[in-house]
PDB file of N, CA and C in Angstrom:
ATOM      1  N   MET A   1       0.846  -1.168   0.000  1.00  0.00           N
ATOM      2  CA  MET A   1       0.000   0.000   0.000  1.00  0.00           C
ATOM      3  C   MET A   1       0.898   1.239   0.000  1.00  0.00           C
ATOM      4  N   GLU A   2       0.653   2.109  -0.915  1.00  0.00           N
ATOM      5  CA  GLU A   2       1.454   3.313  -1.053  1.00  0.00           C
ATOM      6  C   GLU A   2       0.854   4.470  -0.274  1.00  0.00           C
ATOM      7  N   TRP A   3       1.729   5.373   0.175  1.00  0.00           N
ATOM      8  CA  TRP A   3       1.284   6.548   0.916  1.00  0.00           C
ATOM      9  C   TRP A   3       0.311   7.373   0.086  1.00  0.00           C
ATOM     10  N   GLU A   4       0.551   7.485  -1.213  1.00  0.00           N
ATOM     11  CA  GLU A   4      -0.327   8.269  -2.088  1.00  0.00           C
ATOM     12  C   GLU A   4      -1.736   7.674  -2.110  1.00  0.00           C
ATOM     13  N   GLU A   5      -1.834   6.343  -2.124  1.00  0.00           N
ATOM     14  CA  GLU A   5      -3.139   5.680  -2.089  1.00  0.00           C
ATOM     15  C   GLU A   5      -3.888   6.020  -0.801  1.00  0.00           C
ATOM     16  N   ILE A   6      -3.165   5.979   0.309  1.00  0.00           N
ATOM     17  CA  ILE A   6      -3.779   6.279   1.602  1.00  0.00           C
ATOM     18  C   ILE A   6      -4.268   7.722   1.623  1.00  0.00           C
ATOM     19  N   LYS A   7      -3.438   8.649   1.147  1.00  0.00           N
ATOM     20  CA  LYS A   7      -3.835  10.057   1.120  1.00  0.00           C
ATOM     21  C   LYS A   7      -5.052  10.265   0.224  1.00  0.00           C
ATOM     22  N   GLU A   8      -5.083   9.580  -0.898  1.00  0.00           N
ATOM     23  CA  GLU A   8      -6.206   9.702  -1.829  1.00  0.00           C
ATOM     24  C   GLU A   8      -7.502   9.213  -1.180  1.00  0.00           C
ATOM     25  N   GLN A   9      -7.437   8.080  -0.512  1.00  0.00           N
ATOM     26  CA  GLN A   9      -8.622   7.531   0.144  1.00  0.00           C
ATOM     27  C   GLN A   9      -9.011   8.328   1.381  1.00  0.00           C
ATOM     28  N   TYR A  10      -8.030   8.936   2.034  1.00  0.00           N
ATOM     29  CA  TYR A  10      -8.319   9.716   3.236  1.00  0.00           C
ATOM     30  C   TYR A  10      -9.247  10.885   2.936  1.00  0.00           C
ATOM     31  N   ALA A  11      -9.206  11.371   1.717  1.00  0.00           N
ATOM     32  CA  ALA A  11     -10.097  12.467   1.326  1.00  0.00           C
ATOM     33  C   ALA A  11     -11.561  12.056   1.487  1.00  0.00           C
ATOM     34  N   ASN A  12     -11.845  10.761   1.449  1.00  0.00           N
ATOM     35  CA  ASN A  12     -13.212  10.258   1.604  1.00  0.00           C
ATOM     36  C   ASN A  12     -13.579   9.952   3.050  1.00  0.00           C
ATOM     37  N   PHE A  13     -12.630  10.154   3.944  1.00  0.00           N
ATOM     38  CA  PHE A  13     -12.838   9.881   5.363  1.00  0.00           C
ATOM     39  C   PHE A  13     -13.706  10.981   5.968  1.00  0.00           C
ATOM     40  N   ASP A  14     -14.805  10.609   6.584  1.00  0.00           N
ATOM     41  CA  ASP A  14     -15.739  11.575   7.163  1.00  0.00           C
ATOM     42  C   ASP A  14     -15.481  11.680   8.664  1.00  0.00           C
ATOM     43  N   LEU A  15     -14.668  12.653   9.033  1.00  0.00           N
ATOM     44  CA  LEU A  15     -14.269  12.822  10.429  1.00  0.00           C
ATOM     45  C   LEU A  15     -15.459  13.085  11.334  1.00  0.00           C
ATOM     46  N   LYS A  16     -16.353  13.937  10.894  1.00  0.00           N
ATOM     47  CA  LYS A  16     -17.519  14.278  11.721  1.00  0.00           C
ATOM     48  C   LYS A  16     -18.383  13.043  11.968  1.00  0.00           C
ATOM     49  N   ALA A  17     -18.655  12.271  10.930  1.00  0.00           N
ATOM     50  CA  ALA A  17     -19.455  11.056  11.096  1.00  0.00           C
ATOM     51  C   ALA A  17     -18.739  10.062  12.000  1.00  0.00           C
ATOM     52  N   CYS A  18     -17.438  10.001  11.885  1.00  0.00           N
ATOM     53  CA  CYS A  18     -16.650   9.081  12.711  1.00  0.00           C
ATOM     54  C   CYS A  18     -16.786   9.450  14.189  1.00  0.00           C
ATOM     55  N   LYS A  19     -16.736  10.743  14.478  1.00  0.00           N
ATOM     56  CA  LYS A  19     -16.861  11.192  15.859  1.00  0.00           C
ATOM     57  C   LYS A  19     -18.294  11.095  16.365  1.00  0.00           C
ATOM     58  N   ASP A  20     -19.272  11.428  15.510  1.00  0.00           N
ATOM     59  CA  ASP A  20     -20.665  11.488  15.937  1.00  0.00           C
ATOM     60  C   ASP A  20     -21.390  10.146  15.874  1.00  0.00           C
ATOM     61  N   GLU A  21     -21.091   9.350  14.841  1.00  0.00           N
ATOM     62  CA  GLU A  21     -21.876   8.135  14.599  1.00  0.00           C
ATOM     63  C   GLU A  21     -21.074   6.845  14.664  1.00  0.00           C
ATOM     64  N   GLY A  22     -19.774   6.945  14.844  1.00  0.00           N
ATOM     65  CA  GLY A  22     -18.951   5.750  14.956  1.00  0.00           C
ATOM     66  C   GLY A  22     -17.989   5.578  13.792  1.00  0.00           C
ATOM     67  N   ILE A  23     -16.989   4.744  14.019  1.00  0.00           N
ATOM     68  CA  ILE A  23     -15.917   4.555  13.053  1.00  0.00           C
ATOM     69  C   ILE A  23     -16.440   4.025  11.723  1.00  0.00           C
ATOM     70  N   SER A  24     -17.295   3.004  11.751  1.00  0.00           N
ATOM     71  CA  SER A  24     -17.746   2.403  10.497  1.00  0.00           C
ATOM     72  C   SER A  24     -18.514   3.397   9.634  1.00  0.00           C
ATOM     73  N   LYS A  25     -19.279   4.281  10.248  1.00  0.00           N
ATOM     74  CA  LYS A  25     -20.010   5.304   9.493  1.00  0.00           C
ATOM     75  C   LYS A  25     -19.044   6.286   8.836  1.00  0.00           C
ATOM     76  N   GLY A  26     -18.002   6.659   9.542  1.00  0.00           N
ATOM     77  CA  GLY A  26     -17.027   7.595   8.998  1.00  0.00           C
ATOM     78  C   GLY A  26     -16.171   7.007   7.890  1.00  0.00           C
ATOM     79  N   LEU A  27     -16.082   5.680   7.828  1.00  0.00           N
ATOM     80  CA  LEU A  27     -15.240   5.018   6.831  1.00  0.00           C
ATOM     81  C   LEU A  27     -16.022   4.478   5.642  1.00  0.00           C
ATOM     82  N   GLU A  28     -17.332   4.601   5.642  1.00  0.00           N
ATOM     83  CA  GLU A  28     -18.113   3.949   4.588  1.00  0.00           C
ATOM     84  C   GLU A  28     -17.876   4.517   3.190  1.00  0.00           C
ATOM     85  N   ASN A  29     -17.368   5.734   3.075  1.00  0.00           N
ATOM     86  CA  ASN A  29     -17.095   6.307   1.757  1.00  0.00           C
ATOM     87  C   ASN A  29     -15.720   5.931   1.208  1.00  0.00           C
ATOM     88  N   ILE A  30     -14.906   5.266   2.015  1.00  0.00           N
ATOM     89  CA  ILE A  30     -13.588   4.820   1.550  1.00  0.00           C
ATOM     90  C   ILE A  30     -13.784   3.512   0.797  1.00  0.00           C
ATOM     91  N   GLN A  31     -13.423   3.521  -0.480  1.00  0.00           N
ATOM     92  CA  GLN A  31     -13.655   2.369  -1.349  1.00  0.00           C
ATOM     93  C   GLN A  31     -12.634   1.248  -1.172  1.00  0.00           C
ATOM     94  N   ASP A  32     -11.422   1.593  -0.850  1.00  0.00           N
ATOM     95  CA  ASP A  32     -10.354   0.605  -0.726  1.00  0.00           C
ATOM     96  C   ASP A  32     -10.456  -0.090   0.632  1.00  0.00           C
ATOM     97  N   LEU A  33     -10.749  -1.384   0.615  1.00  0.00           N
ATOM     98  CA  LEU A  33     -10.922  -2.134   1.864  1.00  0.00           C
ATOM     99  C   LEU A  33      -9.636  -2.202   2.681  1.00  0.00           C
ATOM    100  N   ARG A  34      -8.489  -2.191   2.014  1.00  0.00           N
ATOM    101  CA  ARG A  34      -7.213  -2.214   2.749  1.00  0.00           C
ATOM    102  C   ARG A  34      -7.071  -0.957   3.595  1.00  0.00           C
ATOM    103  N   VAL A  35      -7.419   0.184   3.009  1.00  0.00           N
ATOM    104  CA  VAL A  35      -7.321   1.449   3.741  1.00  0.00           C
ATOM    105  C   VAL A  35      -8.356   1.482   4.852  1.00  0.00           C
ATOM    106  N   GLN A  36      -9.549   0.986   4.571  1.00  0.00           N
ATOM    107  CA  GLN A  36     -10.594   0.908   5.599  1.00  0.00           C
ATOM    108  C   GLN A  36     -10.116   0.087   6.783  1.00  0.00           C
ATOM    109  N   ARG A  37      -9.551  -1.067   6.492  1.00  0.00           N
ATOM    110  CA  ARG A  37      -9.069  -1.950   7.557  1.00  0.00           C
ATOM    111  C   ARG A  37      -7.920  -1.305   8.341  1.00  0.00           C
ATOM    112  N   LEU A  38      -7.070  -0.572   7.639  1.00  0.00           N
ATOM    113  CA  LEU A  38      -5.975   0.124   8.307  1.00  0.00           C
ATOM    114  C   LEU A  38      -6.521   1.131   9.312  1.00  0.00           C
ATOM    115  N   PHE A  39      -7.489   1.946   8.882  1.00  0.00           N
ATOM    116  CA  PHE A  39      -8.087   2.928   9.788  1.00  0.00           C
ATOM    117  C   PHE A  39      -8.809   2.244  10.947  1.00  0.00           C
ATOM    118  N   VAL A  40      -9.546   1.187  10.676  1.00  0.00           N
ATOM    119  CA  VAL A  40     -10.261   0.474  11.739  1.00  0.00           C
ATOM    120  C   VAL A  40      -9.265  -0.100  12.739  1.00  0.00           C
ATOM    121  N   ALA A  41      -8.182  -0.695  12.239  1.00  0.00           N
ATOM    122  CA  ALA A  41      -7.176  -1.276  13.129  1.00  0.00           C
ATOM    123  C   ALA A  41      -6.565  -0.201  14.022  1.00  0.00           C
ATOM    124  N   LEU A  42      -6.216   0.927  13.434  1.00  0.00           N
ATOM    125  CA  LEU A  42      -5.633   2.007  14.232  1.00  0.00           C
ATOM    126  C   LEU A  42      -6.629   2.540  15.249  1.00  0.00           C
ATOM    127  N   LEU A  43      -7.835   2.795  14.791  1.00  0.00           N
ATOM    128  CA  LEU A  43      -8.809   3.451  15.656  1.00  0.00           C
ATOM    129  C   LEU A  43      -9.372   2.521  16.726  1.00  0.00           C
ATOM    130  N   THR A  44      -9.366   1.219  16.497  1.00  0.00           N
ATOM    131  CA  THR A  44      -9.855   0.303  17.526  1.00  0.00           C
ATOM    132  C   THR A  44      -8.748  -0.121  18.483  1.00  0.00           C
ATOM    133  N   PHE A  45      -7.497  -0.007  18.065  1.00  0.00           N
ATOM    134  CA  PHE A  45      -6.370  -0.358  18.917  1.00  0.00           C
ATOM    135  C   PHE A  45      -6.116   0.711  19.976  1.00  0.00           C
ATOM    136  N   LEU A  46      -6.426   1.934  19.641  1.00  0.00           N
ATOM    137  CA  LEU A  46      -6.157   3.052  20.532  1.00  0.00           C
ATOM    138  C   LEU A  46      -7.305   3.284  21.507  1.00  0.00           C
ATOM    139  N   ASN A  47      -7.008   3.909  22.639  1.00  0.00           N
ATOM    140  CA  ASN A  47      -8.081   4.258  23.564  1.00  0.00           C
ATOM    141  C   ASN A  47      -8.803   5.511  23.021  1.00  0.00           C
ATOM    142  N   PRO A  48      -9.977   5.837  23.544  1.00  0.00           N
ATOM    143  CA  PRO A  48     -10.750   6.957  22.990  1.00  0.00           C
ATOM    144  C   PRO A  48     -10.000   8.292  22.939  1.00  0.00           C
ATOM    145  N   ARG A  49      -9.211   8.579  23.938  1.00  0.00           N
ATOM    146  CA  ARG A  49      -8.437   9.838  23.932  1.00  0.00           C
ATOM    147  C   ARG A  49      -7.401   9.831  22.812  1.00  0.00           C
ATOM    148  N   GLN A  50      -6.721   8.703  22.630  1.00  0.00           N
ATOM    149  CA  GLN A  50      -5.731   8.590  21.563  1.00  0.00           C
ATOM    150  C   GLN A  50      -6.390   8.694  20.188  1.00  0.00           C
ATOM    151  N   VAL A  51      -7.561   8.089  20.041  1.00  0.00           N
ATOM    152  CA  VAL A  51      -8.308   8.183  18.783  1.00  0.00           C
ATOM    153  C   VAL A  51      -8.633   9.644  18.486  1.00  0.00           C
ATOM    154  N   ALA A  52      -9.097  10.363  19.493  1.00  0.00           N
ATOM    155  CA  ALA A  52      -9.435  11.776  19.305  1.00  0.00           C
ATOM    156  C   ALA A  52      -8.208  12.574  18.873  1.00  0.00           C
ATOM    157  N   ILE A  53      -7.057  12.259  19.439  1.00  0.00           N
ATOM    158  CA  ILE A  53      -5.830  12.962  19.067  1.00  0.00           C
ATOM    159  C   ILE A  53      -5.419  12.617  17.641  1.00  0.00           C
ATOM    160  N   VAL A  54      -5.472  11.334  17.285  1.00  0.00           N
ATOM    161  CA  VAL A  54      -5.124  10.926  15.915  1.00  0.00           C
ATOM    162  C   VAL A  54      -6.061  11.590  14.910  1.00  0.00           C
ATOM    163  N   LEU A  55      -7.352  11.593  15.187  1.00  0.00           N
ATOM    164  CA  LEU A  55      -8.307  12.226  14.275  1.00  0.00           C
ATOM    165  C   LEU A  55      -8.055  13.718  14.165  1.00  0.00           C
ATOM    166  N   PHE A  56      -7.723  14.358  15.271  1.00  0.00           N
ATOM    167  CA  PHE A  56      -7.394  15.784  15.251  1.00  0.00           C
ATOM    168  C   PHE A  56      -6.174  16.032  14.363  1.00  0.00           C
ATOM    169  N   LEU A  57      -5.143  15.213  14.518  1.00  0.00           N
ATOM    170  CA  LEU A  57      -3.926  15.391  13.723  1.00  0.00           C
ATOM    171  C   LEU A  57      -4.189  15.160  12.236  1.00  0.00           C
ATOM    172  N   TYR A  58      -4.980  14.140  11.907  1.00  0.00           N
ATOM    173  CA  TYR A  58      -5.315  13.903  10.500  1.00  0.00           C
ATOM    174  C   TYR A  58      -6.118  15.066   9.925  1.00  0.00           C
ATOM    175  N   LYS A  59      -7.025  15.602  10.720  1.00  0.00           N
ATOM    176  CA  LYS A  59      -7.813  16.744  10.266  1.00  0.00           C
ATOM    177  C   LYS A  59      -6.903  17.933   9.990  1.00  0.00           C
ATOM    178  N   GLN A  60      -5.975  18.192  10.894  1.00  0.00           N
ATOM    179  CA  GLN A  60      -5.039  19.295  10.703  1.00  0.00           C
ATOM    180  C   GLN A  60      -4.179  19.071   9.462  1.00  0.00           C
ATOM    181  N   ALA A  61      -3.709  17.845   9.275  1.00  0.00           N
ATOM    182  CA  ALA A  61      -2.881  17.529   8.103  1.00  0.00           C
ATOM    183  C   ALA A  61      -3.667  17.748   6.812  1.00  0.00           C
ATOM    184  N   ARG A  62      -4.932  17.333   6.797  1.00  0.00           N
ATOM    185  CA  ARG A  62      -5.758  17.514   5.601  1.00  0.00           C
ATOM    186  C   ARG A  62      -5.965  18.988   5.316  1.00  0.00           C
ATOM    187  N   GLU A  63      -6.235  19.771   6.352  1.00  0.00           N
ATOM    188  CA  GLU A  63      -6.461  21.202   6.167  1.00  0.00           C
ATOM    189  C   GLU A  63      -5.195  21.917   5.723  1.00  0.00           C
ATOM    190  N   GLN A  64      -4.044  21.501   6.248  1.00  0.00           N
ATOM    191  CA  GLN A  64      -2.789  22.168   5.921  1.00  0.00           C
ATOM    192  C   GLN A  64      -2.212  21.698   4.594  1.00  0.00           C
ATOM    193  N   GLY A  65      -2.407  20.423   4.273  1.00  0.00           N
ATOM    194  CA  GLY A  65      -1.929  19.876   3.011  1.00  0.00           C
ATOM    195  C   GLY A  65      -0.444  20.086   2.743  1.00  0.00           C
ATOM    196  N   LYS A  66       0.379  20.027   3.773  1.00  0.00           N
ATOM    197  CA  LYS A  66       1.805  20.321   3.619  1.00  0.00           C
ATOM    198  C   LYS A  66       2.687  19.088   3.745  1.00  0.00           C
ATOM    199  N   GLY A  67       2.160  17.920   3.576  1.00  0.00           N
ATOM    200  CA  GLY A  67       2.988  16.729   3.680  1.00  0.00           C
ATOM    201  C   GLY A  67       2.952  16.113   5.061  1.00  0.00           C
ATOM    202  N   SER A  68       4.101  15.628   5.503  1.00  0.00           N
ATOM    203  CA  SER A  68       4.147  14.850   6.739  1.00  0.00           C
ATOM    204  C   SER A  68       4.271  15.687   8.007  1.00  0.00           C
ATOM    205  N   LEU A  69       4.487  16.994   7.900  1.00  0.00           N
ATOM    206  CA  LEU A  69       4.570  17.845   9.082  1.00  0.00           C
ATOM    207  C   LEU A  69       3.233  18.524   9.340  1.00  0.00           C
ATOM    208  N   VAL A  70       2.809  18.495  10.604  1.00  0.00           N
ATOM    209  CA  VAL A  70       1.548  19.115  10.990  1.00  0.00           C
ATOM    210  C   VAL A  70       1.834  20.133  12.089  1.00  0.00           C
ATOM    211  N   TYR A  71       1.317  21.321  11.905  1.00  0.00           N
ATOM    212  CA  TYR A  71       1.474  22.372  12.906  1.00  0.00           C
ATOM    213  C   TYR A  71       0.123  22.665  13.525  1.00  0.00           C
ATOM    214  N   PHE A  72       0.094  22.756  14.862  1.00  0.00           N
ATOM    215  CA  PHE A  72      -1.157  23.073  15.542  1.00  0.00           C
ATOM    216  C   PHE A  72      -0.843  23.717  16.881  1.00  0.00           C
ATOM    217  N   ARG A  73      -1.830  24.396  17.398  1.00  0.00           N
ATOM    218  CA  ARG A  73      -1.697  25.016  18.715  1.00  0.00           C
ATOM    219  C   ARG A  73      -2.266  24.047  19.749  1.00  0.00           C
ATOM    220  N   SER A  74      -1.595  23.936  20.878  1.00  0.00           N
ATOM    221  CA  SER A  74      -2.049  23.010  21.913  1.00  0.00           C
ATOM    222  C   SER A  74      -3.458  23.375  22.393  1.00  0.00           C
ATOM    223  N   ASN A  75      -3.779  24.666  22.402  1.00  0.00           N
ATOM    224  CA  ASN A  75      -5.126  25.065  22.814  1.00  0.00           C
ATOM    225  C   ASN A  75      -6.191  24.521  21.871  1.00  0.00           C
ATOM    226  N   ASP A  76      -5.885  24.463  20.571  1.00  0.00           N
ATOM    227  CA  ASP A  76      -6.832  23.897  19.609  1.00  0.00           C
ATOM    228  C   ASP A  76      -7.061  22.411  19.876  1.00  0.00           C
ATOM    229  N   LEU A  77      -5.984  21.705  20.206  1.00  0.00           N
ATOM    230  CA  LEU A  77      -6.108  20.289  20.543  1.00  0.00           C
ATOM    231  C   LEU A  77      -6.946  20.108  21.804  1.00  0.00           C
ATOM    232  N   LEU A  78      -6.682  20.910  22.823  1.00  0.00           N
ATOM    233  CA  LEU A  78      -7.439  20.801  24.071  1.00  0.00           C
ATOM    234  C   LEU A  78      -8.921  21.082  23.840  1.00  0.00           C
ATOM    235  N   GLU A  79      -9.230  22.066  23.005  1.00  0.00           N
ATOM    236  CA  GLU A  79     -10.638  22.344  22.688  1.00  0.00           C
ATOM    237  C   GLU A  79     -11.283  21.169  21.971  1.00  0.00           C
ATOM    238  N   SER A  80     -10.557  20.566  21.032  1.00  0.00           N
ATOM    239  CA  SER A  80     -11.118  19.435  20.291  1.00  0.00           C
ATOM    240  C   SER A  80     -11.343  18.223  21.197  1.00  0.00           C
ATOM    241  N   LEU A  81     -10.571  18.140  22.284  1.00  0.00           N
ATOM    242  CA  LEU A  81     -10.744  17.049  23.240  1.00  0.00           C
ATOM    243  C   LEU A  81     -11.856  17.340  24.247  1.00  0.00           C
ATOM    244  N   GLY A  82     -12.445  18.536  24.157  1.00  0.00           N
ATOM    245  CA  GLY A  82     -13.584  18.858  25.003  1.00  0.00           C
ATOM    246  C   GLY A  82     -13.253  19.558  26.301  1.00  0.00           C
ATOM    247  N   TYR A  83     -12.019  20.017  26.464  1.00  0.00           N
ATOM    248  CA  TYR A  83     -11.662  20.725  27.684  1.00  0.00           C
ATOM    249  C   TYR A  83     -12.195  22.152  27.636  1.00  0.00           C
ATOM    250  N   SER A  84     -12.503  22.681  28.795  1.00  0.00           N
ATOM    251  CA  SER A  84     -13.042  24.039  28.899  1.00  0.00           C
ATOM    252  C   SER A  84     -11.943  25.008  29.320  1.00  0.00           C
ATOM    253  N   ARG A  85     -12.088  26.218  28.846  1.00  0.00           N
ATOM    254  CA  ARG A  85     -11.137  27.268  29.219  1.00  0.00           C
ATOM    255  C   ARG A  85     -11.473  27.793  30.616  1.00  0.00           C
ATOM    256  N   ALA A  86     -10.456  28.326  31.272  1.00  0.00           N
ATOM    257  CA  ALA A  86     -10.653  28.972  32.572  1.00  0.00           C
ATOM    258  C   ALA A  86     -11.348  30.322  32.347  1.00  0.00           C
ATOM    259  N   LYS A  87     -11.686  30.977  33.417  1.00  0.00           N
ATOM    260  CA  LYS A  87     -12.374  32.269  33.316  1.00  0.00           C
ATOM    261  C   LYS A  87     -11.586  33.296  32.524  1.00  0.00           C
ATOM    262  N   ASP A  88     -10.254  33.216  32.594  1.00  0.00           N
ATOM    263  CA  ASP A  88      -9.427  34.192  31.869  1.00  0.00           C
ATOM    264  C   ASP A  88      -9.210  33.816  30.399  1.00  0.00           C
ATOM    265  N   GLY A  89      -9.818  32.721  29.950  1.00  0.00           N
ATOM    266  CA  GLY A  89      -9.713  32.315  28.546  1.00  0.00           C
ATOM    267  C   GLY A  89      -8.583  31.352  28.242  1.00  0.00           C
ATOM    268  N   SER A  90      -7.783  31.023  29.232  1.00  0.00           N
ATOM    269  CA  SER A  90      -6.667  30.097  29.021  1.00  0.00           C
ATOM    270  C   SER A  90      -7.045  28.710  29.544  1.00  0.00           C
ATOM    271  N   PHE A  91      -6.179  27.754  29.312  1.00  0.00           N
ATOM    272  CA  PHE A  91      -6.346  26.421  29.873  1.00  0.00           C
ATOM    273  C   PHE A  91      -5.406  26.298  31.064  1.00  0.00           C
ATOM    274  N   THR A  92      -5.842  25.609  32.089  1.00  0.00           N
ATOM    275  CA  THR A  92      -5.003  25.455  33.275  1.00  0.00           C
ATOM    276  C   THR A  92      -3.767  24.627  32.929  1.00  0.00           C
ATOM    277  N   THR A  93      -2.715  24.808  33.663  1.00  0.00           N
ATOM    278  CA  THR A  93      -1.474  24.085  33.437  1.00  0.00           C
ATOM    279  C   THR A  93      -1.706  22.579  33.531  1.00  0.00           C
ATOM    280  N   ARG A  94      -2.540  22.161  34.442  1.00  0.00           N
ATOM    281  CA  ARG A  94      -2.831  20.735  34.634  1.00  0.00           C
ATOM    282  C   ARG A  94      -3.384  20.106  33.358  1.00  0.00           C
ATOM    283  N   LEU A  95      -4.201  20.827  32.596  1.00  0.00           N
ATOM    284  CA  LEU A  95      -4.780  20.289  31.363  1.00  0.00           C
ATOM    285  C   LEU A  95      -3.754  20.156  30.252  1.00  0.00           C
ATOM    286  N   ARG A  96      -2.797  21.089  30.238  1.00  0.00           N
ATOM    287  CA  ARG A  96      -1.780  21.054  29.178  1.00  0.00           C
ATOM    288  C   ARG A  96      -0.806  19.950  29.443  1.00  0.00           C
TER     289      ARG A  96
END
């Protein structure tokens, strides 16, 4: 399986459906069964927090489209994981 094939099929990955309705719903538009199985294996092997982080990173990579390097702010990751900001708008040190 080539990296280009995975990237091509990833465009069909429905992140929102995966988070809201489950992994199989988010992967149903991926035609290549090998890629589907790869995503299922990764997402079922990891715990829910790790899955959320992997999905966040893939989303950032897709939006940035810059290859293998992904840049993000830790606050964006914390928000995507469902953490709340303190009264002053920051995240507590314990959360980071």
